[in-house]
Amino acid sequence: MNNINFTGLKNIGGYNGPLPTVPDPIRKCHLIVQLTDDTNGNDLTEYKRIINNAEPHIGNTKFIPEDEFVHIMTSVVDDGEDIPELAVNSKIIPPKTETMPLFTFIAKLTKRIAAQQNKDFNCDYLFLNNSESDRYVVPLLSISDIAEYIKLPKNIVKVAIYSPRMGRKVAQEINDNICQQMFDYLM
């Protein structure tokens, strides 16, 4: 029997803690989401349409190896004065007219994730137990690397990263950062 996902989103993971590759005053939020098309909407189709329209202005942003996943990251210097920066699949997205549909899509997506109930978070057992779930959340770092750096067991870190609580928390922080960046661009 197939699992049916009624939210269009699955395998959501988030991380906003310390990283061995990031200097202290810089705060990065990472969110990974697998988009699908389902009875409630066409998240994957809509994302592909928007990203294809934006690519002439920003370059290739495909998530390798699987293009139904999107990695969203915001980065900001933690001094209260810098404007956050958005990256999609490790590609910095400059705020400009041609990229505003992508900003809007990501803002709506993160707002939706931040409001999701626990029952709507769907992580596939097969995904969680293979190497992709270990590598997808933070580019160039595995959950094992993060666990070693923060001195916690890998299984505890992995469960926390793919928990509804962390998904909502990171999605909300990314949404706040995107809204700040869009506001700054429009002013």
C-alpha atoms as a PDB file:
ATOM      1  CA  MET A   1       0.000   0.000   0.000  1.00  0.00           C
ATOM      2  CA  ASN A   2       1.352   3.451  -0.902  1.00  0.00           C
ATOM      3  CA  ASN A   3       1.666   6.220   1.647  1.00  0.00           C
ATOM      4  CA  ILE A   4      -0.369   9.194   0.515  1.00  0.00           C
ATOM      5  CA  ASN A   5       0.899  12.590   1.527  1.00  0.00           C
ATOM      6  CA  PHE A   6      -1.925  15.107   1.755  1.00  0.00           C
ATOM      7  CA  THR A   7       0.262  18.150   2.345  1.00  0.00           C
ATOM      8  CA  GLY A   8       2.416  18.108  -0.802  1.00  0.00           C
ATOM      9  CA  LEU A   9       5.477  18.135   1.459  1.00  0.00           C
ATOM     10  CA  LYS A  10       7.465  15.325   3.027  1.00  0.00           C
ATOM     11  CA  ASN A  11      10.857  14.490   4.480  1.00  0.00           C
ATOM     12  CA  ILE A  12      11.184  17.924   6.091  1.00  0.00           C
ATOM     13  CA  GLY A  13      14.352  18.505   8.080  1.00  0.00           C
ATOM     14  CA  GLY A  14      15.762  21.634   9.672  1.00  0.00           C
ATOM     15  CA  TYR A  15      18.893  22.770  11.450  1.00  0.00           C
ATOM     16  CA  ASN A  16      19.909  26.148  12.850  1.00  0.00           C
ATOM     17  CA  GLY A  17      22.581  25.231  15.376  1.00  0.00           C
ATOM     18  CA  PRO A  18      26.365  25.627  15.389  1.00  0.00           C
ATOM     19  CA  LEU A  19      28.393  24.308  12.470  1.00  0.00           C
ATOM     20  CA  PRO A  20      32.135  23.617  12.282  1.00  0.00           C
ATOM     21  CA  THR A  21      32.387  25.509   8.979  1.00  0.00           C
ATOM     22  CA  VAL A  22      30.619  28.735  10.029  1.00  0.00           C
ATOM     23  CA  PRO A  23      32.228  31.526  12.105  1.00  0.00           C
ATOM     24  CA  ASP A  24      30.414  32.450  15.335  1.00  0.00           C
ATOM     25  CA  PRO A  25      28.644  35.705  14.452  1.00  0.00           C
ATOM     26  CA  ILE A  26      27.053  34.184  11.338  1.00  0.00           C
ATOM     27  CA  ARG A  27      23.741  32.390  11.872  1.00  0.00           C
ATOM     28  CA  LYS A  28      22.546  29.966   9.186  1.00  0.00           C
ATOM     29  CA  CYS A  29      19.207  28.207   9.013  1.00  0.00           C
ATOM     30  CA  HIS A  30      18.906  25.108   6.825  1.00  0.00           C
ATOM     31  CA  LEU A  31      15.645  23.504   5.713  1.00  0.00           C
ATOM     32  CA  ILE A  32      15.241  20.530   3.384  1.00  0.00           C
ATOM     33  CA  VAL A  33      11.838  19.688   1.913  1.00  0.00           C
ATOM     34  CA  GLN A  34      10.734  17.094  -0.597  1.00  0.00           C
ATOM     35  CA  LEU A  35       7.997  18.594  -2.764  1.00  0.00           C
ATOM     36  CA  THR A  36       5.244  16.491  -4.327  1.00  0.00           C
ATOM     37  CA  ASP A  37       2.115  16.981  -6.364  1.00  0.00           C
ATOM     38  CA  ASP A  38      -1.020  15.675  -4.676  1.00  0.00           C
ATOM     39  CA  THR A  39      -4.754  16.203  -4.249  1.00  0.00           C
ATOM     40  CA  ASN A  40      -4.237  19.471  -2.356  1.00  0.00           C
ATOM     41  CA  GLY A  41      -1.894  21.133  -4.809  1.00  0.00           C
ATOM     42  CA  ASN A  42       1.024  20.910  -7.152  1.00  0.00           C
ATOM     43  CA  ASP A  43       3.934  22.097  -5.021  1.00  0.00           C
ATOM     44  CA  LEU A  44       6.552  20.325  -7.125  1.00  0.00           C
ATOM     45  CA  THR A  45       5.142  21.507 -10.464  1.00  0.00           C
ATOM     46  CA  GLU A  46       4.767  25.073  -9.193  1.00  0.00           C
ATOM     47  CA  TYR A  47       8.315  25.115  -7.794  1.00  0.00           C
ATOM     48  CA  LYS A  48       9.782  23.782 -11.064  1.00  0.00           C
ATOM     49  CA  ARG A  49       7.878  26.421 -13.052  1.00  0.00           C
ATOM     50  CA  ILE A  50       9.101  29.249 -10.806  1.00  0.00           C
ATOM     51  CA  ILE A  51      12.700  28.008 -10.644  1.00  0.00           C
ATOM     52  CA  ASN A  52      12.827  27.546 -14.441  1.00  0.00           C
ATOM     53  CA  ASN A  53      11.679  31.157 -14.900  1.00  0.00           C
ATOM     54  CA  ALA A  54      14.268  32.409 -12.388  1.00  0.00           C
ATOM     55  CA  GLU A  55      17.232  30.375 -13.691  1.00  0.00           C
ATOM     56  CA  PRO A  56      18.120  32.757 -16.569  1.00  0.00           C
ATOM     57  CA  HIS A  57      18.737  35.385 -13.853  1.00  0.00           C
ATOM     58  CA  ILE A  58      20.414  33.221 -11.197  1.00  0.00           C
ATOM     59  CA  GLY A  59      21.850  30.145 -12.941  1.00  0.00           C
ATOM     60  CA  ASN A  60      21.194  26.453 -12.321  1.00  0.00           C
ATOM     61  CA  THR A  61      19.662  25.731  -8.922  1.00  0.00           C
ATOM     62  CA  LYS A  62      18.823  22.040  -9.285  1.00  0.00           C
ATOM     63  CA  PHE A  63      19.223  19.995  -6.115  1.00  0.00           C
ATOM     64  CA  ILE A  64      21.527  17.202  -7.106  1.00  0.00           C
ATOM     65  CA  PRO A  65      20.867  14.277  -7.047  1.00  0.00           C
ATOM     66  CA  GLU A  66      17.061  14.625  -6.670  1.00  0.00           C
ATOM     67  CA  ASP A  67      15.208  17.583  -8.142  1.00  0.00           C
ATOM     68  CA  GLU A  68      12.052  17.131  -6.065  1.00  0.00           C
ATOM     69  CA  PHE A  69      14.034  18.232  -3.001  1.00  0.00           C
ATOM     70  CA  VAL A  70      14.655  21.875  -2.253  1.00  0.00           C
ATOM     71  CA  HIS A  71      17.287  23.051   0.208  1.00  0.00           C
ATOM     72  CA  ILE A  72      16.534  26.486   1.653  1.00  0.00           C
ATOM     73  CA  MET A  73      19.072  28.423   3.670  1.00  0.00           C
ATOM     74  CA  THR A  74      19.231  31.883   5.119  1.00  0.00           C
ATOM     75  CA  SER A  75      22.405  33.432   6.418  1.00  0.00           C
ATOM     76  CA  VAL A  76      22.745  36.533   8.568  1.00  0.00           C
ATOM     77  CA  VAL A  77      25.439  38.121  10.710  1.00  0.00           C
ATOM     78  CA  ASP A  78      24.071  38.056  14.248  1.00  0.00           C
ATOM     79  CA  ASP A  79      24.628  41.745  14.974  1.00  0.00           C
ATOM     80  CA  GLY A  80      21.031  42.861  14.354  1.00  0.00           C
ATOM     81  CA  GLU A  81      22.041  45.154  11.503  1.00  0.00           C
ATOM     82  CA  ASP A  82      22.743  42.892   8.522  1.00  0.00           C
ATOM     83  CA  ILE A  83      20.043  41.904   6.074  1.00  0.00           C
ATOM     84  CA  PRO A  84      19.603  38.126   5.750  1.00  0.00           C
ATOM     85  CA  GLU A  85      20.578  36.371   2.541  1.00  0.00           C
ATOM     86  CA  LEU A  86      18.520  33.598   0.910  1.00  0.00           C
ATOM     87  CA  ALA A  87      20.061  30.595  -0.830  1.00  0.00           C
ATOM     88  CA  VAL A  88      18.154  27.871  -2.667  1.00  0.00           C
ATOM     89  CA  ASN A  89      20.049  24.639  -3.290  1.00  0.00           C
ATOM     90  CA  SER A  90      23.305  26.389  -2.301  1.00  0.00           C
ATOM     91  CA  LYS A  91      22.779  29.207  -4.791  1.00  0.00           C
ATOM     92  CA  ILE A  92      22.488  32.757  -3.387  1.00  0.00           C
ATOM     93  CA  ILE A  93      19.265  34.322  -4.656  1.00  0.00           C
ATOM     94  CA  PRO A  94      19.592  38.087  -5.093  1.00  0.00           C
ATOM     95  CA  PRO A  95      16.422  40.043  -4.439  1.00  0.00           C
ATOM     96  CA  LYS A  96      15.315  41.560  -7.745  1.00  0.00           C
ATOM     97  CA  THR A  97      12.156  41.727  -9.811  1.00  0.00           C
ATOM     98  CA  GLU A  98      12.945  38.493 -11.669  1.00  0.00           C
ATOM     99  CA  THR A  99      13.469  36.500  -8.463  1.00  0.00           C
ATOM    100  CA  MET A 100      10.499  37.825  -6.457  1.00  0.00           C
ATOM    101  CA  PRO A 101       8.247  34.891  -7.502  1.00  0.00           C
ATOM    102  CA  LEU A 102      10.847  32.532  -6.011  1.00  0.00           C
ATOM    103  CA  PHE A 103      11.050  34.601  -2.814  1.00  0.00           C
ATOM    104  CA  THR A 104       7.258  34.558  -2.612  1.00  0.00           C
ATOM    105  CA  PHE A 105       7.066  30.789  -3.178  1.00  0.00           C
ATOM    106  CA  ILE A 106       9.707  30.108  -0.492  1.00  0.00           C
ATOM    107  CA  ALA A 107       8.022  32.546   1.936  1.00  0.00           C
ATOM    108  CA  LYS A 108       4.634  30.822   1.463  1.00  0.00           C
ATOM    109  CA  LEU A 109       6.233  27.379   1.723  1.00  0.00           C
ATOM    110  CA  THR A 110       8.065  28.164   4.973  1.00  0.00           C
ATOM    111  CA  LYS A 111       4.964  29.828   6.428  1.00  0.00           C
ATOM    112  CA  ARG A 112       2.966  26.696   5.625  1.00  0.00           C
ATOM    113  CA  ILE A 113       5.582  24.424   7.208  1.00  0.00           C
ATOM    114  CA  ALA A 114       5.740  26.619  10.313  1.00  0.00           C
ATOM    115  CA  ALA A 115       1.964  26.228  10.721  1.00  0.00           C
ATOM    116  CA  GLN A 116       1.804  22.456  10.071  1.00  0.00           C
ATOM    117  CA  GLN A 117       0.541  20.133  12.753  1.00  0.00           C
ATOM    118  CA  ASN A 118       2.596  17.140  13.874  1.00  0.00           C
ATOM    119  CA  LYS A 119       0.316  14.727  12.000  1.00  0.00           C
ATOM    120  CA  ASP A 120       1.115  16.506   8.719  1.00  0.00           C
ATOM    121  CA  PHE A 121       4.870  15.923   8.961  1.00  0.00           C
ATOM    122  CA  ASN A 122       5.622  12.867   6.867  1.00  0.00           C
ATOM    123  CA  CYS A 123       9.125  11.373   6.860  1.00  0.00           C
ATOM    124  CA  ASP A 124       9.480   8.164   4.895  1.00  0.00           C
ATOM    125  CA  TYR A 125      11.054   5.352   6.873  1.00  0.00           C
ATOM    126  CA  LEU A 126      13.205   4.397   3.861  1.00  0.00           C
ATOM    127  CA  PHE A 127      14.408   7.990   3.454  1.00  0.00           C
ATOM    128  CA  LEU A 128      15.290   8.367   7.140  1.00  0.00           C
ATOM    129  CA  ASN A 129      17.269   5.150   7.122  1.00  0.00           C
ATOM    130  CA  ASN A 130      19.402   5.793   4.067  1.00  0.00           C
ATOM    131  CA  SER A 131      22.374   8.041   3.482  1.00  0.00           C
ATOM    132  CA  GLU A 132      20.422  10.857   1.788  1.00  0.00           C
ATOM    133  CA  SER A 133      18.751  11.905   5.030  1.00  0.00           C
ATOM    134  CA  ASP A 134      22.225  12.152   6.570  1.00  0.00           C
ATOM    135  CA  ARG A 135      23.605  14.389   3.800  1.00  0.00           C
ATOM    136  CA  TYR A 136      20.701  16.552   2.590  1.00  0.00           C
ATOM    137  CA  VAL A 137      20.099  19.019   5.443  1.00  0.00           C
ATOM    138  CA  VAL A 138      23.393  20.931   5.460  1.00  0.00           C
ATOM    139  CA  PRO A 139      25.370  20.983   2.200  1.00  0.00           C
ATOM    140  CA  LEU A 140      28.877  19.514   2.487  1.00  0.00           C
ATOM    141  CA  LEU A 141      28.245  18.299   6.044  1.00  0.00           C
ATOM    142  CA  SER A 142      26.596  15.126   7.235  1.00  0.00           C
ATOM    143  CA  ILE A 143      24.502  14.743  10.339  1.00  0.00           C
ATOM    144  CA  SER A 144      27.427  12.665  11.647  1.00  0.00           C
ATOM    145  CA  ASP A 145      29.711  15.724  11.236  1.00  0.00           C
ATOM    146  CA  ILE A 146      27.220  17.947  13.063  1.00  0.00           C
ATOM    147  CA  ALA A 147      26.727  15.391  15.855  1.00  0.00           C
ATOM    148  CA  GLU A 148      30.462  15.084  16.354  1.00  0.00           C
ATOM    149  CA  TYR A 149      30.868  18.882  16.436  1.00  0.00           C
ATOM    150  CA  ILE A 150      28.079  19.456  18.983  1.00  0.00           C
ATOM    151  CA  LYS A 151      29.082  16.320  20.916  1.00  0.00           C
ATOM    152  CA  LEU A 152      25.757  14.478  20.772  1.00  0.00           C
ATOM    153  CA  PRO A 153      24.953  10.995  19.454  1.00  0.00           C
ATOM    154  CA  LYS A 154      24.120  10.952  15.738  1.00  0.00           C
ATOM    155  CA  ASN A 155      20.752   9.230  16.218  1.00  0.00           C
ATOM    156  CA  ILE A 156      19.594  11.942  18.659  1.00  0.00           C
ATOM    157  CA  VAL A 157      20.686  14.718  16.292  1.00  0.00           C
ATOM    158  CA  LYS A 158      18.984  13.025  13.325  1.00  0.00           C
ATOM    159  CA  VAL A 159      15.703  12.574  15.211  1.00  0.00           C
ATOM    160  CA  ALA A 160      15.816  16.230  16.286  1.00  0.00           C
ATOM    161  CA  ILE A 161      16.595  17.496  12.758  1.00  0.00           C
ATOM    162  CA  TYR A 162      13.659  15.595  11.230  1.00  0.00           C
ATOM    163  CA  SER A 163      11.237  16.382  14.060  1.00  0.00           C
ATOM    164  CA  PRO A 164       8.118  18.491  13.469  1.00  0.00           C
ATOM    165  CA  ARG A 165       9.263  20.909  16.180  1.00  0.00           C
ATOM    166  CA  MET A 166      12.592  21.616  14.449  1.00  0.00           C
ATOM    167  CA  GLY A 167      10.960  21.778  11.012  1.00  0.00           C
ATOM    168  CA  ARG A 168       8.486  24.403  12.245  1.00  0.00           C
ATOM    169  CA  LYS A 169      11.106  26.375  14.175  1.00  0.00           C
ATOM    170  CA  VAL A 170      13.578  26.597  11.286  1.00  0.00           C
ATOM    171  CA  ALA A 171      10.819  27.283   8.733  1.00  0.00           C
ATOM    172  CA  GLN A 172       9.581  30.203  10.862  1.00  0.00           C
ATOM    173  CA  GLU A 173      13.076  31.635  11.259  1.00  0.00           C
ATOM    174  CA  ILE A 174      13.716  31.349   7.520  1.00  0.00           C
ATOM    175  CA  ASN A 175      10.336  32.956   6.822  1.00  0.00           C
ATOM    176  CA  ASP A 176      11.176  35.872   9.127  1.00  0.00           C
ATOM    177  CA  ASN A 177      14.552  36.278   7.381  1.00  0.00           C
ATOM    178  CA  ILE A 178      12.996  36.195   3.900  1.00  0.00           C
ATOM    179  CA  CYS A 179      10.357  38.744   4.893  1.00  0.00           C
ATOM    180  CA  GLN A 180      13.101  41.015   6.244  1.00  0.00           C
ATOM    181  CA  GLN A 181      15.105  40.643   3.028  1.00  0.00           C
ATOM    182  CA  MET A 182      12.039  41.299   0.828  1.00  0.00           C
ATOM    183  CA  PHE A 183      11.064  44.320   2.939  1.00  0.00           C
ATOM    184  CA  ASP A 184      14.565  45.748   2.607  1.00  0.00           C
ATOM    185  CA  TYR A 185      14.500  45.211  -1.169  1.00  0.00           C
ATOM    186  CA  LEU A 186      11.094  46.866  -1.575  1.00  0.00           C
ATOM    187  CA  MET A 187      12.011  49.887   0.562  1.00  0.00           C
END
